[in-house]
C-alpha cells in the first residue's frame, strides 16, 4: 500500500510540475506571437506609428508584470497571476486585431 501511495504522489507531483511548465511556455509563446503580429502589422502598413507605439507600450507593461510576478515567487506565477495575465493577453490580442483591421 505504501508503494502505491508513493507512486500516486509522484504522478500527481509530476503532473503539477508539467502543468506549471506548460503555463510558462504558453505565456511566453503568446508573448512572442503577439509581438510577431505587431511586427507583421508594421511591415504590411496596417498599423500606424501611433498604433504601434501604443501596442508596444501595453506589451511592455504586460511583460514587466510577468517578470515582477516571477521575481516575487521564485520564477513562478501564482494561479491568480496566470489568470490575470491570460485575461490581459486576451485583451491585448483583441486590441492588436482591431488596430490592424480598422
C-alpha atoms as a PDB file:
ATOM      1  CA  UNK A   1       0.000   0.000   0.000  1.00  0.00           C
ATOM      2  CA  UNK A   2       2.853   2.394   0.805  1.00  0.00           C
ATOM      3  CA  UNK A   3       4.420   1.915  -2.609  1.00  0.00           C
ATOM      4  CA  UNK A   4       1.084   2.668  -4.284  1.00  0.00           C
ATOM      5  CA  UNK A   5       0.785   5.935  -2.324  1.00  0.00           C
ATOM      6  CA  UNK A   6       4.329   6.916  -3.275  1.00  0.00           C
ATOM      7  CA  UNK A   7       3.714   6.173  -6.931  1.00  0.00           C
ATOM      8  CA  UNK A   8       0.438   8.085  -6.842  1.00  0.00           C
ATOM      9  CA  UNK A   9       2.056  11.099  -5.134  1.00  0.00           C
ATOM     10  CA  UNK A  10       4.919  11.062  -7.652  1.00  0.00           C
ATOM     11  CA  UNK A  11       2.415  11.033 -10.515  1.00  0.00           C
ATOM     12  CA  UNK A  12       0.456  13.930  -9.025  1.00  0.00           C
ATOM     13  CA  UNK A  13       3.628  15.944  -8.427  1.00  0.00           C
ATOM     14  CA  UNK A  14       4.895  15.236 -11.938  1.00  0.00           C
ATOM     15  CA  UNK A  15       1.599  16.319 -13.452  1.00  0.00           C
ATOM     16  CA  UNK A  16       1.597  19.531 -11.422  1.00  0.00           C
ATOM     17  CA  UNK A  17       5.151  20.381 -12.439  1.00  0.00           C
ATOM     18  CA  UNK A  18       4.396  19.655 -16.087  1.00  0.00           C
ATOM     19  CA  UNK A  19       1.301  21.847 -15.968  1.00  0.00           C
ATOM     20  CA  UNK A  20       3.288  24.691 -14.396  1.00  0.00           C
ATOM     21  CA  UNK A  21       5.907  24.384 -17.134  1.00  0.00           C
ATOM     22  CA  UNK A  22       3.252  24.340 -19.831  1.00  0.00           C
ATOM     23  CA  UNK A  23       1.691  27.503 -18.446  1.00  0.00           C
ATOM     24  CA  UNK A  24       5.026  29.299 -18.562  1.00  0.00           C
ATOM     25  CA  UNK A  25       5.581  28.069 -22.109  1.00  0.00           C
ATOM     26  CA  UNK A  26       2.087  29.166 -23.100  1.00  0.00           C
ATOM     27  CA  UNK A  27       2.571  32.656 -21.662  1.00  0.00           C
ATOM     28  CA  UNK A  28       5.938  33.029 -23.369  1.00  0.00           C
ATOM     29  CA  UNK A  29       4.632  31.688 -26.684  1.00  0.00           C
ATOM     30  CA  UNK A  30       1.716  34.118 -26.638  1.00  0.00           C
ATOM     31  CA  UNK A  31       4.109  36.996 -25.929  1.00  0.00           C
ATOM     32  CA  UNK A  32       6.167  36.023 -28.966  1.00  0.00           C
ATOM     33  CA  UNK A  33       3.087  35.527 -31.177  1.00  0.00           C
ATOM     34  CA  UNK A  34       1.639  38.899 -30.251  1.00  0.00           C
ATOM     35  CA  UNK A  35       4.960  40.619 -30.849  1.00  0.00           C
ATOM     36  CA  UNK A  36       5.136  38.921 -34.264  1.00  0.00           C
ATOM     37  CA  UNK A  37       1.604  40.103 -35.073  1.00  0.00           C
ATOM     38  CA  UNK A  38       2.541  43.693 -34.243  1.00  0.00           C
ATOM     39  CA  UNK A  39       5.682  43.432 -36.380  1.00  0.00           C
ATOM     40  CA  UNK A  40       3.669  41.993 -39.263  1.00  0.00           C
ATOM     41  CA  UNK A  41       1.207  44.886 -38.973  1.00  0.00           C
ATOM     42  CA  UNK A  42       4.053  47.379 -39.200  1.00  0.00           C
ATOM     43  CA  UNK A  43       5.564  45.576 -42.175  1.00  0.00           C
ATOM     44  CA  UNK A  44       2.255  45.404 -44.056  1.00  0.00           C
ATOM     45  CA  UNK A  45       1.392  49.008 -43.247  1.00  0.00           C
ATOM     46  CA  UNK A  46      -1.842  48.121 -41.453  1.00  0.00           C
ATOM     47  CA  UNK A  47      -0.533  49.684 -38.210  1.00  0.00           C
ATOM     48  CA  UNK A  48       0.393  53.348 -37.976  1.00  0.00           C
ATOM     49  CA  UNK A  49       3.332  54.543 -35.916  1.00  0.00           C
ATOM     50  CA  UNK A  50       0.992  55.752 -33.182  1.00  0.00           C
ATOM     51  CA  UNK A  51      -0.917  52.471 -33.036  1.00  0.00           C
ATOM     52  CA  UNK A  52       2.340  50.549 -32.917  1.00  0.00           C
ATOM     53  CA  UNK A  53       3.681  52.701 -30.093  1.00  0.00           C
ATOM     54  CA  UNK A  54       0.512  52.212 -28.015  1.00  0.00           C
ATOM     55  CA  UNK A  55       0.513  48.454 -28.558  1.00  0.00           C
ATOM     56  CA  UNK A  56       4.230  48.193 -27.770  1.00  0.00           C
ATOM     57  CA  UNK A  57       3.706  50.182 -24.554  1.00  0.00           C
ATOM     58  CA  UNK A  58       0.921  47.831 -23.475  1.00  0.00           C
ATOM     59  CA  UNK A  59       3.036  44.810 -24.373  1.00  0.00           C
ATOM     60  CA  UNK A  60       5.982  46.148 -22.359  1.00  0.00           C
ATOM     61  CA  UNK A  61       3.730  46.812 -19.354  1.00  0.00           C
ATOM     62  CA  UNK A  62       2.411  43.245 -19.502  1.00  0.00           C
ATOM     63  CA  UNK A  63       5.952  41.862 -19.822  1.00  0.00           C
ATOM     64  CA  UNK A  64       7.000  43.828 -16.714  1.00  0.00           C
ATOM     65  CA  UNK A  65       4.021  42.424 -14.808  1.00  0.00           C
ATOM     66  CA  UNK A  66       5.021  38.876 -15.791  1.00  0.00           C
ATOM     67  CA  UNK A  67       8.650  39.485 -14.833  1.00  0.00           C
ATOM     68  CA  UNK A  68       7.723  41.059 -11.491  1.00  0.00           C
ATOM     69  CA  UNK A  69       5.334  38.219 -10.662  1.00  0.00           C
ATOM     70  CA  UNK A  70       8.021  35.644 -11.362  1.00  0.00           C
ATOM     71  CA  UNK A  71      10.566  37.544  -9.286  1.00  0.00           C
ATOM     72  CA  UNK A  72       8.156  37.600  -6.347  1.00  0.00           C
ATOM     73  CA  UNK A  73       7.577  33.823  -6.412  1.00  0.00           C
ATOM     74  CA  UNK A  74      10.884  32.145  -7.314  1.00  0.00           C
ATOM     75  CA  UNK A  75      10.388  32.148 -11.104  1.00  0.00           C
ATOM     76  CA  UNK A  76       6.756  31.011 -10.887  1.00  0.00           C
ATOM     77  CA  UNK A  77       3.425  32.734 -11.246  1.00  0.00           C
ATOM     78  CA  UNK A  78       0.553  32.070  -8.894  1.00  0.00           C
ATOM     79  CA  UNK A  79      -2.695  30.718 -10.294  1.00  0.00           C
ATOM     80  CA  UNK A  80      -4.326  34.128  -9.840  1.00  0.00           C
ATOM     81  CA  UNK A  81      -1.433  35.871 -11.621  1.00  0.00           C
ATOM     82  CA  UNK A  82      -1.627  33.417 -14.536  1.00  0.00           C
ATOM     83  CA  UNK A  83      -5.371  34.046 -14.832  1.00  0.00           C
ATOM     84  CA  UNK A  84      -4.900  37.835 -14.752  1.00  0.00           C
ATOM     85  CA  UNK A  85      -2.085  37.679 -17.307  1.00  0.00           C
ATOM     86  CA  UNK A  86      -4.189  35.444 -19.561  1.00  0.00           C
ATOM     87  CA  UNK A  87      -7.051  37.973 -19.444  1.00  0.00           C
ATOM     88  CA  UNK A  88      -4.651  40.817 -20.248  1.00  0.00           C
ATOM     89  CA  UNK A  89      -3.109  38.835 -23.101  1.00  0.00           C
ATOM     90  CA  UNK A  90      -6.612  38.188 -24.462  1.00  0.00           C
ATOM     91  CA  UNK A  91      -7.425  41.888 -24.255  1.00  0.00           C
ATOM     92  CA  UNK A  92      -4.160  42.868 -25.942  1.00  0.00           C
ATOM     93  CA  UNK A  93      -4.769  40.306 -28.674  1.00  0.00           C
ATOM     94  CA  UNK A  94      -8.173  41.877 -29.411  1.00  0.00           C
ATOM     95  CA  UNK A  95      -6.589  45.341 -29.449  1.00  0.00           C
ATOM     96  CA  UNK A  96      -3.947  44.189 -31.927  1.00  0.00           C
ATOM     97  CA  UNK A  97      -6.638  42.719 -34.169  1.00  0.00           C
ATOM     98  CA  UNK A  98      -8.765  45.865 -34.049  1.00  0.00           C
ATOM     99  CA  UNK A  99      -5.803  48.139 -34.733  1.00  0.00           C
ATOM    100  CA  UNK A 100      -4.760  46.066 -37.740  1.00  0.00           C
ATOM    101  CA  UNK A 101      -8.295  45.909 -39.166  1.00  0.00           C
ATOM    102  CA  UNK A 102      -9.638  49.427 -38.748  1.00  0.00           C
END
